[in-house]
ModelCIF file with pLDDT and N, C-alpha, C, O atoms, coordinates in Angstrom:
data_MODEL
#
_entry.id   MODEL 
#
_entity.id                         1 
_entity.type                       polymer 
_entity.pdbx_number_of_molecules   1 
#
_entity_poly.entity_id                      1 
_entity_poly.type                           'polypeptide(L)' 
_entity_poly.nstd_linkage                   no 
_entity_poly.nstd_monomer                   no 
_entity_poly.pdbx_seq_one_letter_code       
;(UNK)(UNK)(UNK)(UNK)(UNK)(UNK)(UNK)(UNK)(UNK)(UNK)(UNK)(UNK)(UNK)(UNK)(UNK)(UNK)
(UNK)(UNK)(UNK)(UNK)(UNK)(UNK)(UNK)(UNK)(UNK)(UNK)(UNK)(UNK)(UNK)(UNK)(UNK)(UNK)
(UNK)(UNK)(UNK)(UNK)(UNK)(UNK)(UNK)(UNK)(UNK)(UNK)(UNK)(UNK)(UNK)(UNK)(UNK)
;
_entity_poly.pdbx_seq_one_letter_code_can   XXXXXXXXXXXXXXXXXXXXXXXXXXXXXXXXXXXXXXXXXXXXXXX 
_entity_poly.pdbx_strand_id                 A 
#
loop_
_entity_poly_seq.entity_id 
_entity_poly_seq.num 
_entity_poly_seq.mon_id 
_entity_poly_seq.hetero 
1 1  UNK n 
1 2  UNK n 
1 3  UNK n 
1 4  UNK n 
1 5  UNK n 
1 6  UNK n 
1 7  UNK n 
1 8  UNK n 
1 9  UNK n 
1 10 UNK n 
1 11 UNK n 
1 12 UNK n 
1 13 UNK n 
1 14 UNK n 
1 15 UNK n 
1 16 UNK n 
1 17 UNK n 
1 18 UNK n 
1 19 UNK n 
1 20 UNK n 
1 21 UNK n 
1 22 UNK n 
1 23 UNK n 
1 24 UNK n 
1 25 UNK n 
1 26 UNK n 
1 27 UNK n 
1 28 UNK n 
1 29 UNK n 
1 30 UNK n 
1 31 UNK n 
1 32 UNK n 
1 33 UNK n 
1 34 UNK n 
1 35 UNK n 
1 36 UNK n 
1 37 UNK n 
1 38 UNK n 
1 39 UNK n 
1 40 UNK n 
1 41 UNK n 
1 42 UNK n 
1 43 UNK n 
1 44 UNK n 
1 45 UNK n 
1 46 UNK n 
1 47 UNK n 
#
_struct_asym.id          A 
_struct_asym.entity_id   1 
#
loop_
_ma_qa_metric.id 
_ma_qa_metric.mode 
_ma_qa_metric.name 
_ma_qa_metric.software_group_id 
_ma_qa_metric.type 
1 global pLDDT . pLDDT 
2 local  pLDDT . pLDDT 
#
_ma_qa_metric_global.metric_id      1 
_ma_qa_metric_global.metric_value   84.96 
_ma_qa_metric_global.model_id       1 
_ma_qa_metric_global.ordinal_id     1 
#
loop_
_ma_qa_metric_local.label_asym_id 
_ma_qa_metric_local.label_comp_id 
_ma_qa_metric_local.label_seq_id 
_ma_qa_metric_local.metric_id 
_ma_qa_metric_local.metric_value 
_ma_qa_metric_local.model_id 
_ma_qa_metric_local.ordinal_id 
A UNK 1  2 98.00 1 1  
A UNK 2  2 98.00 1 2  
A UNK 3  2 98.00 1 3  
A UNK 4  2 96.00 1 4  
A UNK 5  2 98.00 1 5  
A UNK 6  2 98.00 1 6  
A UNK 7  2 98.00 1 7  
A UNK 8  2 97.00 1 8  
A UNK 9  2 97.00 1 9  
A UNK 10 2 95.00 1 10 
A UNK 11 2 91.00 1 11 
A UNK 12 2 88.00 1 12 
A UNK 13 2 78.00 1 13 
A UNK 14 2 78.00 1 14 
A UNK 15 2 63.00 1 15 
A UNK 16 2 62.00 1 16 
A UNK 17 2 63.00 1 17 
A UNK 18 2 57.00 1 18 
A UNK 19 2 56.00 1 19 
A UNK 20 2 65.00 1 20 
A UNK 21 2 78.00 1 21 
A UNK 22 2 81.00 1 22 
A UNK 23 2 86.00 1 23 
A UNK 24 2 89.00 1 24 
A UNK 25 2 93.00 1 25 
A UNK 26 2 95.00 1 26 
A UNK 27 2 96.00 1 27 
A UNK 28 2 97.00 1 28 
A UNK 29 2 97.00 1 29 
A UNK 30 2 97.00 1 30 
A UNK 31 2 96.00 1 31 
A UNK 32 2 95.00 1 32 
A UNK 33 2 95.00 1 33 
A UNK 34 2 97.00 1 34 
A UNK 35 2 97.00 1 35 
A UNK 36 2 97.00 1 36 
A UNK 37 2 97.00 1 37 
A UNK 38 2 96.00 1 38 
A UNK 39 2 94.00 1 39 
A UNK 40 2 91.00 1 40 
A UNK 41 2 84.00 1 41 
A UNK 42 2 75.00 1 42 
A UNK 43 2 70.00 1 43 
A UNK 44 2 57.00 1 44 
A UNK 45 2 57.00 1 45 
A UNK 46 2 59.00 1 46 
A UNK 47 2 53.00 1 47 
#
loop_
_atom_site.group_PDB 
_atom_site.id 
_atom_site.type_symbol 
_atom_site.label_atom_id 
_atom_site.label_alt_id 
_atom_site.label_comp_id 
_atom_site.label_asym_id 
_atom_site.label_entity_id 
_atom_site.label_seq_id 
_atom_site.pdbx_PDB_ins_code 
_atom_site.Cartn_x 
_atom_site.Cartn_y 
_atom_site.Cartn_z 
_atom_site.occupancy 
_atom_site.B_iso_or_equiv 
_atom_site.pdbx_formal_charge 
_atom_site.auth_seq_id 
_atom_site.auth_comp_id 
_atom_site.auth_asym_id 
_atom_site.auth_atom_id 
_atom_site.pdbx_PDB_model_num 
ATOM 1   N N  . UNK A 1 1  ? -8.568  -13.784 4.768  1.00 98.00 ? 1  UNK A N  1 
ATOM 2   C CA . UNK A 1 1  ? -9.573  -12.745 4.985  1.00 98.00 ? 1  UNK A CA 1 
ATOM 3   C C  . UNK A 1 1  ? -10.968 -13.342 4.824  1.00 98.00 ? 1  UNK A C  1 
ATOM 4   O O  . UNK A 1 1  ? -11.361 -13.745 3.730  1.00 98.00 ? 1  UNK A O  1 
ATOM 5   N N  . UNK A 1 2  ? -11.704 -13.392 5.925  1.00 98.00 ? 2  UNK A N  1 
ATOM 6   C CA . UNK A 1 2  ? -13.026 -14.014 5.931  1.00 98.00 ? 2  UNK A CA 1 
ATOM 7   C C  . UNK A 1 2  ? -14.082 -13.070 5.358  1.00 98.00 ? 2  UNK A C  1 
ATOM 8   O O  . UNK A 1 2  ? -13.883 -11.855 5.346  1.00 98.00 ? 2  UNK A O  1 
ATOM 9   N N  . UNK A 1 3  ? -15.198 -13.616 4.884  1.00 98.00 ? 3  UNK A N  1 
ATOM 10  C CA . UNK A 1 3  ? -16.246 -12.772 4.297  1.00 98.00 ? 3  UNK A CA 1 
ATOM 11  C C  . UNK A 1 3  ? -16.753 -11.717 5.279  1.00 98.00 ? 3  UNK A C  1 
ATOM 12  O O  . UNK A 1 3  ? -17.031 -12.007 6.443  1.00 98.00 ? 3  UNK A O  1 
ATOM 13  N N  . UNK A 1 4  ? -16.867 -10.475 4.774  1.00 96.00 ? 4  UNK A N  1 
ATOM 14  C CA . UNK A 1 4  ? -17.387 -9.383  5.581  1.00 96.00 ? 4  UNK A CA 1 
ATOM 15  C C  . UNK A 1 4  ? -16.432 -8.821  6.600  1.00 96.00 ? 4  UNK A C  1 
ATOM 16  O O  . UNK A 1 4  ? -16.823 -7.953  7.380  1.00 96.00 ? 4  UNK A O  1 
ATOM 17  N N  . UNK A 1 5  ? -15.186 -9.280  6.628  1.00 98.00 ? 5  UNK A N  1 
ATOM 18  C CA . UNK A 1 5  ? -14.235 -8.846  7.647  1.00 98.00 ? 5  UNK A CA 1 
ATOM 19  C C  . UNK A 1 5  ? -13.351 -7.710  7.135  1.00 98.00 ? 5  UNK A C  1 
ATOM 20  O O  . UNK A 1 5  ? -13.101 -7.584  5.936  1.00 98.00 ? 5  UNK A O  1 
ATOM 21  N N  . UNK A 1 6  ? -12.891 -6.896  8.068  1.00 98.00 ? 6  UNK A N  1 
ATOM 22  C CA . UNK A 1 6  ? -12.013 -5.752  7.787  1.00 98.00 ? 6  UNK A CA 1 
ATOM 23  C C  . UNK A 1 6  ? -10.772 -5.884  8.657  1.00 98.00 ? 6  UNK A C  1 
ATOM 24  O O  . UNK A 1 6  ? -10.878 -6.086  9.867  1.00 98.00 ? 6  UNK A O  1 
ATOM 25  N N  . UNK A 1 7  ? -9.590  -5.770  8.044  1.00 98.00 ? 7  UNK A N  1 
ATOM 26  C CA . UNK A 1 7  ? -8.338  -5.887  8.795  1.00 98.00 ? 7  UNK A CA 1 
ATOM 27  C C  . UNK A 1 7  ? -7.419  -4.728  8.440  1.00 98.00 ? 7  UNK A C  1 
ATOM 28  O O  . UNK A 1 7  ? -7.454  -4.210  7.325  1.00 98.00 ? 7  UNK A O  1 
ATOM 29  N N  . UNK A 1 8  ? -6.606  -4.334  9.393  1.00 97.00 ? 8  UNK A N  1 
ATOM 30  C CA . UNK A 1 8  ? -5.613  -3.280  9.206  1.00 97.00 ? 8  UNK A CA 1 
ATOM 31  C C  . UNK A 1 8  ? -4.236  -3.923  9.202  1.00 97.00 ? 8  UNK A C  1 
ATOM 32  O O  . UNK A 1 8  ? -3.830  -4.533  10.191 1.00 97.00 ? 8  UNK A O  1 
ATOM 33  N N  . UNK A 1 9  ? -3.510  -3.787  8.081  1.00 97.00 ? 9  UNK A N  1 
ATOM 34  C CA . UNK A 1 9  ? -2.236  -4.470  7.909  1.00 97.00 ? 9  UNK A CA 1 
ATOM 35  C C  . UNK A 1 9  ? -1.124  -3.466  7.655  1.00 97.00 ? 9  UNK A C  1 
ATOM 36  O O  . UNK A 1 9  ? -1.379  -2.318  7.293  1.00 97.00 ? 9  UNK A O  1 
ATOM 37  N N  . UNK A 1 10 ? 0.100   -3.905  7.845  1.00 95.00 ? 10 UNK A N  1 
ATOM 38  C CA . UNK A 1 10 ? 1.280   -3.102  7.526  1.00 95.00 ? 10 UNK A CA 1 
ATOM 39  C C  . UNK A 1 10 ? 2.204   -3.918  6.638  1.00 95.00 ? 10 UNK A C  1 
ATOM 40  O O  . UNK A 1 10 ? 2.255   -5.145  6.720  1.00 95.00 ? 10 UNK A O  1 
ATOM 41  N N  . UNK A 1 11 ? 2.924   -3.214  5.799  1.00 91.00 ? 11 UNK A N  1 
ATOM 42  C CA . UNK A 1 11 ? 3.861   -3.852  4.875  1.00 91.00 ? 11 UNK A CA 1 
ATOM 43  C C  . UNK A 1 11 ? 5.200   -3.130  4.942  1.00 91.00 ? 11 UNK A C  1 
ATOM 44  O O  . UNK A 1 11 ? 5.255   -1.929  4.676  1.00 91.00 ? 11 UNK A O  1 
ATOM 45  N N  . UNK A 1 12 ? 6.290   -3.830  5.291  1.00 88.00 ? 12 UNK A N  1 
ATOM 46  C CA . UNK A 1 12 ? 7.600   -3.178  5.278  1.00 88.00 ? 12 UNK A CA 1 
ATOM 47  C C  . UNK A 1 12 ? 7.940   -2.676  3.878  1.00 88.00 ? 12 UNK A C  1 
ATOM 48  O O  . UNK A 1 12 ? 7.655   -3.337  2.879  1.00 88.00 ? 12 UNK A O  1 
ATOM 49  N N  . UNK A 1 13 ? 8.557   -1.490  3.823  1.00 78.00 ? 13 UNK A N  1 
ATOM 50  C CA . UNK A 1 13 ? 8.944   -0.902  2.531  1.00 78.00 ? 13 UNK A CA 1 
ATOM 51  C C  . UNK A 1 13 ? 10.378  -0.392  2.645  1.00 78.00 ? 13 UNK A C  1 
ATOM 52  O O  . UNK A 1 13 ? 10.601  0.810   2.789  1.00 78.00 ? 13 UNK A O  1 
ATOM 53  N N  . UNK A 1 14 ? 11.342  -1.294  2.581  1.00 78.00 ? 14 UNK A N  1 
ATOM 54  C CA . UNK A 1 14 ? 12.732  -0.864  2.722  1.00 78.00 ? 14 UNK A CA 1 
ATOM 55  C C  . UNK A 1 14 ? 13.209  0.019   1.582  1.00 78.00 ? 14 UNK A C  1 
ATOM 56  O O  . UNK A 1 14 ? 14.237  0.684   1.713  1.00 78.00 ? 14 UNK A O  1 
ATOM 57  N N  . UNK A 1 15 ? 12.486  0.042   0.465  1.00 63.00 ? 15 UNK A N  1 
ATOM 58  C CA . UNK A 1 15 ? 12.884  0.881   -0.664 1.00 63.00 ? 15 UNK A CA 1 
ATOM 59  C C  . UNK A 1 15 ? 12.334  2.284   -0.605 1.00 63.00 ? 15 UNK A C  1 
ATOM 60  O O  . UNK A 1 15 ? 12.474  3.031   -1.574 1.00 63.00 ? 15 UNK A O  1 
ATOM 61  N N  . UNK A 1 16 ? 11.709  2.678   0.497  1.00 62.00 ? 16 UNK A N  1 
ATOM 62  C CA . UNK A 1 16 ? 11.157  4.031   0.609  1.00 62.00 ? 16 UNK A CA 1 
ATOM 63  C C  . UNK A 1 16 ? 12.275  5.071   0.490  1.00 62.00 ? 16 UNK A C  1 
ATOM 64  O O  . UNK A 1 16 ? 13.333  4.899   1.096  1.00 62.00 ? 16 UNK A O  1 
ATOM 65  N N  . UNK A 1 17 ? 12.065  6.142   -0.277 1.00 63.00 ? 17 UNK A N  1 
ATOM 66  C CA . UNK A 1 17 ? 13.120  7.154   -0.421 1.00 63.00 ? 17 UNK A CA 1 
ATOM 67  C C  . UNK A 1 17 ? 13.283  7.958   0.852  1.00 63.00 ? 17 UNK A C  1 
ATOM 68  O O  . UNK A 1 17 ? 12.434  7.909   1.742  1.00 63.00 ? 17 UNK A O  1 
ATOM 69  N N  . UNK A 1 18 ? 14.380  8.702   0.936  1.00 57.00 ? 18 UNK A N  1 
ATOM 70  C CA . UNK A 1 18 ? 14.610  9.594   2.069  1.00 57.00 ? 18 UNK A CA 1 
ATOM 71  C C  . UNK A 1 18 ? 14.344  11.040  1.707  1.00 57.00 ? 18 UNK A C  1 
ATOM 72  O O  . UNK A 1 18 ? 14.314  11.905  2.581  1.00 57.00 ? 18 UNK A O  1 
ATOM 73  N N  . UNK A 1 19 ? 14.147  11.314  0.403  1.00 56.00 ? 19 UNK A N  1 
ATOM 74  C CA . UNK A 1 19 ? 13.871  12.688  -0.025 1.00 56.00 ? 19 UNK A CA 1 
ATOM 75  C C  . UNK A 1 19 ? 13.021  12.655  -1.290 1.00 56.00 ? 19 UNK A C  1 
ATOM 76  O O  . UNK A 1 19 ? 13.261  11.858  -2.197 1.00 56.00 ? 19 UNK A O  1 
ATOM 77  N N  . UNK A 1 20 ? 12.033  13.528  -1.331 1.00 65.00 ? 20 UNK A N  1 
ATOM 78  C CA . UNK A 1 20 ? 11.209  13.661  -2.531 1.00 65.00 ? 20 UNK A CA 1 
ATOM 79  C C  . UNK A 1 20 ? 9.760   13.254  -2.295 1.00 65.00 ? 20 UNK A C  1 
ATOM 80  O O  . UNK A 1 20 ? 9.390   12.759  -1.230 1.00 65.00 ? 20 UNK A O  1 
ATOM 81  N N  . UNK A 1 21 ? 8.963   13.480  -3.319 1.00 78.00 ? 21 UNK A N  1 
ATOM 82  C CA . UNK A 1 21 ? 7.543   13.135  -3.261 1.00 78.00 ? 21 UNK A CA 1 
ATOM 83  C C  . UNK A 1 21 ? 7.314   11.860  -4.074 1.00 78.00 ? 21 UNK A C  1 
ATOM 84  O O  . UNK A 1 21 ? 7.845   11.713  -5.175 1.00 78.00 ? 21 UNK A O  1 
ATOM 85  N N  . UNK A 1 22 ? 6.514   10.933  -3.518 1.00 81.00 ? 22 UNK A N  1 
ATOM 86  C CA . UNK A 1 22 ? 6.286   9.639   -4.153 1.00 81.00 ? 22 UNK A CA 1 
ATOM 87  C C  . UNK A 1 22 ? 4.789   9.356   -4.202 1.00 81.00 ? 22 UNK A C  1 
ATOM 88  O O  . UNK A 1 22 ? 4.072   9.577   -3.227 1.00 81.00 ? 22 UNK A O  1 
ATOM 89  N N  . UNK A 1 23 ? 4.326   8.860   -5.359 1.00 86.00 ? 23 UNK A N  1 
ATOM 90  C CA . UNK A 1 23 ? 2.951   8.377   -5.509 1.00 86.00 ? 23 UNK A CA 1 
ATOM 91  C C  . UNK A 1 23 ? 2.971   6.862   -5.380 1.00 86.00 ? 23 UNK A C  1 
ATOM 92  O O  . UNK A 1 23 ? 3.703   6.178   -6.095 1.00 86.00 ? 23 UNK A O  1 
ATOM 93  N N  . UNK A 1 24 ? 2.169   6.346   -4.471 1.00 89.00 ? 24 UNK A N  1 
ATOM 94  C CA . UNK A 1 24 ? 2.200   4.926   -4.120 1.00 89.00 ? 24 UNK A CA 1 
ATOM 95  C C  . UNK A 1 24 ? 0.882   4.269   -4.523 1.00 89.00 ? 24 UNK A C  1 
ATOM 96  O O  . UNK A 1 24 ? -0.195  4.809   -4.268 1.00 89.00 ? 24 UNK A O  1 
ATOM 97  N N  . UNK A 1 25 ? 0.980   3.083   -5.164 1.00 93.00 ? 25 UNK A N  1 
ATOM 98  C CA . UNK A 1 25 ? -0.211  2.325   -5.561 1.00 93.00 ? 25 UNK A CA 1 
ATOM 99  C C  . UNK A 1 25 ? -0.085  0.896   -5.060 1.00 93.00 ? 25 UNK A C  1 
ATOM 100 O O  . UNK A 1 25 ? 0.899   0.212   -5.340 1.00 93.00 ? 25 UNK A O  1 
ATOM 101 N N  . UNK A 1 26 ? -1.096  0.451   -4.313 1.00 95.00 ? 26 UNK A N  1 
ATOM 102 C CA . UNK A 1 26 ? -1.158  -0.919  -3.819 1.00 95.00 ? 26 UNK A CA 1 
ATOM 103 C C  . UNK A 1 26 ? -2.180  -1.688  -4.653 1.00 95.00 ? 26 UNK A C  1 
ATOM 104 O O  . UNK A 1 26 ? -3.307  -1.236  -4.853 1.00 95.00 ? 26 UNK A O  1 
ATOM 105 N N  . UNK A 1 27 ? -1.767  -2.852  -5.132 1.00 96.00 ? 27 UNK A N  1 
ATOM 106 C CA . UNK A 1 27 ? -2.668  -3.717  -5.901 1.00 96.00 ? 27 UNK A CA 1 
ATOM 107 C C  . UNK A 1 27 ? -2.790  -5.050  -5.161 1.00 96.00 ? 27 UNK A C  1 
ATOM 108 O O  . UNK A 1 27 ? -1.795  -5.727  -4.902 1.00 96.00 ? 27 UNK A O  1 
ATOM 109 N N  . UNK A 1 28 ? -4.026  -5.410  -4.830 1.00 97.00 ? 28 UNK A N  1 
ATOM 110 C CA . UNK A 1 28 ? -4.290  -6.654  -4.096 1.00 97.00 ? 28 UNK A CA 1 
ATOM 111 C C  . UNK A 1 28 ? -5.166  -7.541  -4.971 1.00 97.00 ? 28 UNK A C  1 
ATOM 112 O O  . UNK A 1 28 ? -6.200  -7.102  -5.474 1.00 97.00 ? 28 UNK A O  1 
ATOM 113 N N  . UNK A 1 29 ? -4.750  -8.782  -5.147 1.00 97.00 ? 29 UNK A N  1 
ATOM 114 C CA . UNK A 1 29 ? -5.521  -9.764  -5.909 1.00 97.00 ? 29 UNK A CA 1 
ATOM 115 C C  . UNK A 1 29 ? -5.741  -11.003 -5.048 1.00 97.00 ? 29 UNK A C  1 
ATOM 116 O O  . UNK A 1 29 ? -5.058  -11.207 -4.045 1.00 97.00 ? 29 UNK A O  1 
ATOM 117 N N  . UNK A 1 30 ? -6.703  -11.823 -5.454 1.00 97.00 ? 30 UNK A N  1 
ATOM 118 C CA . UNK A 1 30 ? -7.001  -13.069 -4.741 1.00 97.00 ? 30 UNK A CA 1 
ATOM 119 C C  . UNK A 1 30 ? -7.635  -14.037 -5.721 1.00 97.00 ? 30 UNK A C  1 
ATOM 120 O O  . UNK A 1 30 ? -8.258  -13.600 -6.688 1.00 97.00 ? 30 UNK A O  1 
ATOM 121 N N  . UNK A 1 31 ? -7.498  -15.344 -5.502 1.00 96.00 ? 31 UNK A N  1 
ATOM 122 C CA . UNK A 1 31 ? -8.139  -16.329 -6.370 1.00 96.00 ? 31 UNK A CA 1 
ATOM 123 C C  . UNK A 1 31 ? -9.641  -16.078 -6.469 1.00 96.00 ? 31 UNK A C  1 
ATOM 124 O O  . UNK A 1 31 ? -10.291 -15.666 -5.509 1.00 96.00 ? 31 UNK A O  1 
ATOM 125 N N  . UNK A 1 32 ? -10.164 -16.338 -7.657 1.00 95.00 ? 32 UNK A N  1 
ATOM 126 C CA . UNK A 1 32 ? -11.574 -16.076 -7.896 1.00 95.00 ? 32 UNK A CA 1 
ATOM 127 C C  . UNK A 1 32 ? -11.832 -14.795 -8.649 1.00 95.00 ? 32 UNK A C  1 
ATOM 128 O O  . UNK A 1 32 ? -12.985 -14.443 -8.898 1.00 95.00 ? 32 UNK A O  1 
ATOM 129 N N  . UNK A 1 33 ? -10.749 -14.071 -9.025 1.00 95.00 ? 33 UNK A N  1 
ATOM 130 C CA . UNK A 1 33 ? -10.906 -12.839 -9.795 1.00 95.00 ? 33 UNK A CA 1 
ATOM 131 C C  . UNK A 1 33 ? -10.973 -11.581 -8.970 1.00 95.00 ? 33 UNK A C  1 
ATOM 132 O O  . UNK A 1 33 ? -11.257 -10.516 -9.518 1.00 95.00 ? 33 UNK A O  1 
ATOM 133 N N  . UNK A 1 34 ? -10.727 -11.653 -7.681 1.00 97.00 ? 34 UNK A N  1 
ATOM 134 C CA . UNK A 1 34 ? -10.762 -10.445 -6.852 1.00 97.00 ? 34 UNK A CA 1 
ATOM 135 C C  . UNK A 1 34 ? -9.547  -9.577  -7.148 1.00 97.00 ? 34 UNK A C  1 
ATOM 136 O O  . UNK A 1 34 ? -8.421  -10.071 -7.215 1.00 97.00 ? 34 UNK A O  1 
ATOM 137 N N  . UNK A 1 35 ? -9.783  -8.276  -7.325 1.00 97.00 ? 35 UNK A N  1 
ATOM 138 C CA . UNK A 1 35 ? -8.701  -7.334  -7.596 1.00 97.00 ? 35 UNK A CA 1 
ATOM 139 C C  . UNK A 1 35 ? -9.130  -5.952  -7.113 1.00 97.00 ? 35 UNK A C  1 
ATOM 140 O O  . UNK A 1 35 ? -10.256 -5.520  -7.360 1.00 97.00 ? 35 UNK A O  1 
ATOM 141 N N  . UNK A 1 36 ? -8.223  -5.263  -6.424 1.00 97.00 ? 36 UNK A N  1 
ATOM 142 C CA . UNK A 1 36 ? -8.519  -3.924  -5.929 1.00 97.00 ? 36 UNK A CA 1 
ATOM 143 C C  . UNK A 1 36 ? -7.213  -3.150  -5.805 1.00 97.00 ? 36 UNK A C  1 
ATOM 144 O O  . UNK A 1 36 ? -6.144  -3.735  -5.627 1.00 97.00 ? 36 UNK A O  1 
ATOM 145 N N  . UNK A 1 37 ? -7.313  -1.820  -5.901 1.00 97.00 ? 37 UNK A N  1 
ATOM 146 C CA . UNK A 1 37 ? -6.143  -0.954  -5.756 1.00 97.00 ? 37 UNK A CA 1 
ATOM 147 C C  . UNK A 1 37 ? -6.446  0.152   -4.750 1.00 97.00 ? 37 UNK A C  1 
ATOM 148 O O  . UNK A 1 37 ? -7.596  0.541   -4.552 1.00 97.00 ? 37 UNK A O  1 
ATOM 149 N N  . UNK A 1 38 ? -5.399  0.637   -4.133 1.00 96.00 ? 38 UNK A N  1 
ATOM 150 C CA . UNK A 1 38 ? -5.470  1.783   -3.236 1.00 96.00 ? 38 UNK A CA 1 
ATOM 151 C C  . UNK A 1 38 ? -4.240  2.631   -3.453 1.00 96.00 ? 38 UNK A C  1 
ATOM 152 O O  . UNK A 1 38 ? -3.164  2.098   -3.727 1.00 96.00 ? 38 UNK A O  1 
ATOM 153 N N  . UNK A 1 39 ? -4.374  3.944   -3.336 1.00 94.00 ? 39 UNK A N  1 
ATOM 154 C CA . UNK A 1 39 ? -3.257  4.840   -3.650 1.00 94.00 ? 39 UNK A CA 1 
ATOM 155 C C  . UNK A 1 39 ? -3.142  5.942   -2.606 1.00 94.00 ? 39 UNK A C  1 
ATOM 156 O O  . UNK A 1 39 ? -4.104  6.284   -1.919 1.00 94.00 ? 39 UNK A O  1 
ATOM 157 N N  . UNK A 1 40 ? -1.939  6.482   -2.512 1.00 91.00 ? 40 UNK A N  1 
ATOM 158 C CA . UNK A 1 40 ? -1.673  7.645   -1.679 1.00 91.00 ? 40 UNK A CA 1 
ATOM 159 C C  . UNK A 1 40 ? -0.393  8.293   -2.182 1.00 91.00 ? 40 UNK A C  1 
ATOM 160 O O  . UNK A 1 40 ? 0.292   7.725   -3.033 1.00 91.00 ? 40 UNK A O  1 
ATOM 161 N N  . UNK A 1 41 ? -0.060  9.468   -1.673 1.00 84.00 ? 41 UNK A N  1 
ATOM 162 C CA . UNK A 1 41 ? 1.201   10.137  -1.995 1.00 84.00 ? 41 UNK A CA 1 
ATOM 163 C C  . UNK A 1 41 ? 1.808   10.661  -0.701 1.00 84.00 ? 41 UNK A C  1 
ATOM 164 O O  . UNK A 1 41 ? 1.095   10.937  0.264  1.00 84.00 ? 41 UNK A O  1 
ATOM 165 N N  . UNK A 1 42 ? 3.112   10.792  -0.691 1.00 75.00 ? 42 UNK A N  1 
ATOM 166 C CA . UNK A 1 42 ? 3.790   11.203  0.531  1.00 75.00 ? 42 UNK A CA 1 
ATOM 167 C C  . UNK A 1 42 ? 5.065   11.962  0.189  1.00 75.00 ? 42 UNK A C  1 
ATOM 168 O O  . UNK A 1 42 ? 5.720   11.691  -0.817 1.00 75.00 ? 42 UNK A O  1 
ATOM 169 N N  . UNK A 1 43 ? 5.398   12.909  1.040  1.00 70.00 ? 43 UNK A N  1 
ATOM 170 C CA . UNK A 1 43 ? 6.664   13.638  0.953  1.00 70.00 ? 43 UNK A CA 1 
ATOM 171 C C  . UNK A 1 43 ? 7.654   13.015  1.924  1.00 70.00 ? 43 UNK A C  1 
ATOM 172 O O  . UNK A 1 43 ? 7.300   12.653  3.046  1.00 70.00 ? 43 UNK A O  1 
ATOM 173 N N  . UNK A 1 44 ? 8.898   12.895  1.479  1.00 57.00 ? 44 UNK A N  1 
ATOM 174 C CA . UNK A 1 44 ? 9.949   12.343  2.320  1.00 57.00 ? 44 UNK A CA 1 
ATOM 175 C C  . UNK A 1 44 ? 11.042  13.391  2.476  1.00 57.00 ? 44 UNK A C  1 
ATOM 176 O O  . UNK A 1 44 ? 11.576  13.889  1.486  1.00 57.00 ? 44 UNK A O  1 
ATOM 177 N N  . UNK A 1 45 ? 11.376  13.725  3.722  1.00 57.00 ? 45 UNK A N  1 
ATOM 178 C CA . UNK A 1 45 ? 12.455  14.653  4.023  1.00 57.00 ? 45 UNK A CA 1 
ATOM 179 C C  . UNK A 1 45 ? 13.296  14.081  5.148  1.00 57.00 ? 45 UNK A C  1 
ATOM 180 O O  . UNK A 1 45 ? 12.752  13.591  6.138  1.00 57.00 ? 45 UNK A O  1 
ATOM 181 N N  . UNK A 1 46 ? 14.627  14.134  5.013  1.00 59.00 ? 46 UNK A N  1 
ATOM 182 C CA . UNK A 1 46 ? 15.456  13.713  6.146  1.00 59.00 ? 46 UNK A CA 1 
ATOM 183 C C  . UNK A 1 46 ? 15.150  14.570  7.366  1.00 59.00 ? 46 UNK A C  1 
ATOM 184 O O  . UNK A 1 46 ? 14.804  15.745  7.237  1.00 59.00 ? 46 UNK A O  1 
ATOM 185 N N  . UNK A 1 47 ? 15.277  13.984  8.539  1.00 53.00 ? 47 UNK A N  1 
ATOM 186 C CA . UNK A 1 47 ? 14.896  14.705  9.744  1.00 53.00 ? 47 UNK A CA 1 
ATOM 187 C C  . UNK A 1 47 ? 15.702  15.976  9.927  1.00 53.00 ? 47 UNK A C  1 
ATOM 188 O O  . UNK A 1 47 ? 15.499  16.700  10.901 1.00 53.00 ? 47 UNK A O  1 
#
């Protein structure tokens, strides 16, 4: 990730539930002391 750049990424999550509500927290770190978190919540229902 270059300075000043913004990227949109995806991460496979094979452990995602098929039913229920889940609170998700992403933690990203990098050498030099960089650390950031992002969160969301989602409902899962079988089709």
